[in-house]
Amino acid sequence: MPLLVFLHGIFDFRLSNADGEEVWLPTASEYVRSRNRRTDKLLDPDLIVTDVIRSASCCPVFKPIVDDIERIGFTEGRAGELGQLVLFNYD
């Protein structure tokens, strides 16, 4: 079964700490004010990448691409009609 790996770019992911609190992607208000109040939490060595940025605020980012890939027959996380889609999350 074919495997399609989606490899996002730098800063194109969501990061959470062990408590499940999202510490990256900045909120819209943090972005407008150029201040992320969670910056200190970005230094936590136990952060995990939880997903690609599918949308930010009301703007789609990678969601349309993932949707198109699934529409042609790849399925995220399991084998689909054409194969499996893997969103390769890294930091």
C-alpha atoms as a PDB file:
ATOM      1  CA  MET A   1       0.000   0.000   0.000  1.00  0.00           C
ATOM      2  CA  PRO A   2       1.461   3.411  -0.959  1.00  0.00           C
ATOM      3  CA  LEU A   3       2.461   5.826   1.777  1.00  0.00           C
ATOM      4  CA  LEU A   4       2.359   9.610   1.324  1.00  0.00           C
ATOM      5  CA  VAL A   5       4.374  11.567   3.899  1.00  0.00           C
ATOM      6  CA  PHE A   6       3.492  15.243   4.346  1.00  0.00           C
ATOM      7  CA  LEU A   7       6.525  17.139   5.637  1.00  0.00           C
ATOM      8  CA  HIS A   8       5.701  20.639   6.826  1.00  0.00           C
ATOM      9  CA  GLY A   9       8.107  23.572   7.017  1.00  0.00           C
ATOM     10  CA  ILE A  10       9.756  25.220   9.993  1.00  0.00           C
ATOM     11  CA  PHE A  11       7.290  26.706  12.546  1.00  0.00           C
ATOM     12  CA  ASP A  12       4.367  25.020  10.705  1.00  0.00           C
ATOM     13  CA  PHE A  13       3.283  22.889  13.664  1.00  0.00           C
ATOM     14  CA  ARG A  14       1.528  23.090  17.010  1.00  0.00           C
ATOM     15  CA  LEU A  15       3.459  22.433  20.231  1.00  0.00           C
ATOM     16  CA  SER A  16       1.972  21.394  23.566  1.00  0.00           C
ATOM     17  CA  ASN A  17       3.453  20.755  26.988  1.00  0.00           C
ATOM     18  CA  ALA A  18       2.938  17.629  29.094  1.00  0.00           C
ATOM     19  CA  ASP A  19      -0.270  19.129  30.547  1.00  0.00           C
ATOM     20  CA  GLY A  20      -1.762  19.437  27.056  1.00  0.00           C
ATOM     21  CA  GLU A  21      -1.497  23.240  26.996  1.00  0.00           C
ATOM     22  CA  GLU A  22      -0.728  24.521  23.515  1.00  0.00           C
ATOM     23  CA  VAL A  23       2.332  26.805  23.697  1.00  0.00           C
ATOM     24  CA  TRP A  24       2.939  27.331  19.980  1.00  0.00           C
ATOM     25  CA  LEU A  25       1.142  28.711  17.669  1.00  0.00           C
ATOM     26  CA  PRO A  26       0.680  32.252  18.998  1.00  0.00           C
ATOM     27  CA  THR A  27      -2.916  33.406  19.298  1.00  0.00           C
ATOM     28  CA  ALA A  28      -4.178  36.165  17.004  1.00  0.00           C
ATOM     29  CA  SER A  29      -3.953  38.743  19.797  1.00  0.00           C
ATOM     30  CA  GLU A  30      -0.395  37.651  20.655  1.00  0.00           C
ATOM     31  CA  TYR A  31       0.551  37.965  17.003  1.00  0.00           C
ATOM     32  CA  VAL A  32      -0.976  41.445  16.627  1.00  0.00           C
ATOM     33  CA  ARG A  33       0.753  42.682  19.791  1.00  0.00           C
ATOM     34  CA  SER A  34       3.996  40.903  18.813  1.00  0.00           C
ATOM     35  CA  ARG A  35       4.064  39.315  22.257  1.00  0.00           C
ATOM     36  CA  ASN A  36       3.656  35.634  23.057  1.00  0.00           C
ATOM     37  CA  ARG A  37       3.021  35.343  26.807  1.00  0.00           C
ATOM     38  CA  ARG A  38       3.965  31.672  26.661  1.00  0.00           C
ATOM     39  CA  THR A  39       7.506  32.232  25.357  1.00  0.00           C
ATOM     40  CA  ASP A  40       9.077  30.876  28.554  1.00  0.00           C
ATOM     41  CA  LYS A  41       7.134  27.634  28.088  1.00  0.00           C
ATOM     42  CA  LEU A  42       8.758  27.118  24.674  1.00  0.00           C
ATOM     43  CA  LEU A  43      11.990  26.253  26.513  1.00  0.00           C
ATOM     44  CA  ASP A  44      10.420  23.148  28.083  1.00  0.00           C
ATOM     45  CA  PRO A  45      12.415  20.124  26.820  1.00  0.00           C
ATOM     46  CA  ASP A  46       9.320  17.888  27.063  1.00  0.00           C
ATOM     47  CA  LEU A  47       7.227  19.738  24.457  1.00  0.00           C
ATOM     48  CA  ILE A  48       5.553  17.557  21.862  1.00  0.00           C
ATOM     49  CA  VAL A  49       4.462  18.344  18.329  1.00  0.00           C
ATOM     50  CA  THR A  50       0.740  17.646  18.215  1.00  0.00           C
ATOM     51  CA  ASP A  51      -0.238  18.522  14.646  1.00  0.00           C
ATOM     52  CA  VAL A  52       0.516  20.621  11.594  1.00  0.00           C
ATOM     53  CA  ILE A  53      -1.151  24.017  11.514  1.00  0.00           C
ATOM     54  CA  ARG A  54      -4.391  23.183   9.765  1.00  0.00           C
ATOM     55  CA  SER A  55      -5.747  26.683  10.381  1.00  0.00           C
ATOM     56  CA  ALA A  56      -4.759  29.781  12.321  1.00  0.00           C
ATOM     57  CA  SER A  57      -7.571  31.930  13.699  1.00  0.00           C
ATOM     58  CA  CYS A  58     -10.013  31.899  10.797  1.00  0.00           C
ATOM     59  CA  CYS A  59      -7.439  31.353   8.038  1.00  0.00           C
ATOM     60  CA  PRO A  60      -6.807  27.910   6.570  1.00  0.00           C
ATOM     61  CA  VAL A  61      -3.142  26.934   6.402  1.00  0.00           C
ATOM     62  CA  PHE A  62      -2.572  23.230   5.617  1.00  0.00           C
ATOM     63  CA  LYS A  63      -6.189  22.058   5.972  1.00  0.00           C
ATOM     64  CA  PRO A  64      -6.985  22.572   2.256  1.00  0.00           C
ATOM     65  CA  ILE A  65      -3.892  20.571   1.253  1.00  0.00           C
ATOM     66  CA  VAL A  66      -4.665  17.719   3.665  1.00  0.00           C
ATOM     67  CA  ASP A  67      -8.312  17.721   2.515  1.00  0.00           C
ATOM     68  CA  ASP A  68      -7.240  17.536  -1.155  1.00  0.00           C
ATOM     69  CA  ILE A  69      -4.852  14.660  -0.455  1.00  0.00           C
ATOM     70  CA  GLU A  70      -7.631  12.780   1.350  1.00  0.00           C
ATOM     71  CA  ARG A  71     -10.083  13.575  -1.454  1.00  0.00           C
ATOM     72  CA  ILE A  72      -7.884  11.768  -3.990  1.00  0.00           C
ATOM     73  CA  GLY A  73      -7.805   8.616  -1.857  1.00  0.00           C
ATOM     74  CA  PHE A  74      -5.137   8.828   0.851  1.00  0.00           C
ATOM     75  CA  THR A  75      -6.396   8.550   4.417  1.00  0.00           C
ATOM     76  CA  GLU A  76      -4.674  10.121   7.402  1.00  0.00           C
ATOM     77  CA  GLY A  77      -3.481   7.575   9.956  1.00  0.00           C
ATOM     78  CA  ARG A  78      -4.735   4.460   8.155  1.00  0.00           C
ATOM     79  CA  ALA A  79      -4.786   2.874   4.728  1.00  0.00           C
ATOM     80  CA  GLY A  80      -7.258   4.492   2.363  1.00  0.00           C
ATOM     81  CA  GLU A  81      -8.283   3.797  -1.219  1.00  0.00           C
ATOM     82  CA  LEU A  82      -4.881   4.881  -2.600  1.00  0.00           C
ATOM     83  CA  GLY A  83      -2.806   4.582   0.540  1.00  0.00           C
ATOM     84  CA  GLN A  84      -1.964   6.074   3.912  1.00  0.00           C
ATOM     85  CA  LEU A  85      -1.295   9.765   4.588  1.00  0.00           C
ATOM     86  CA  VAL A  86       1.241  10.464   7.340  1.00  0.00           C
ATOM     87  CA  LEU A  87       1.613  13.997   8.651  1.00  0.00           C
ATOM     88  CA  PHE A  88       5.245  13.867   9.752  1.00  0.00           C
ATOM     89  CA  ASN A  89       5.348  16.003  12.878  1.00  0.00           C
ATOM     90  CA  TYR A  90       8.773  17.141  14.015  1.00  0.00           C
ATOM     91  CA  ASP A  91      10.428  20.018  15.843  1.00  0.00           C
END
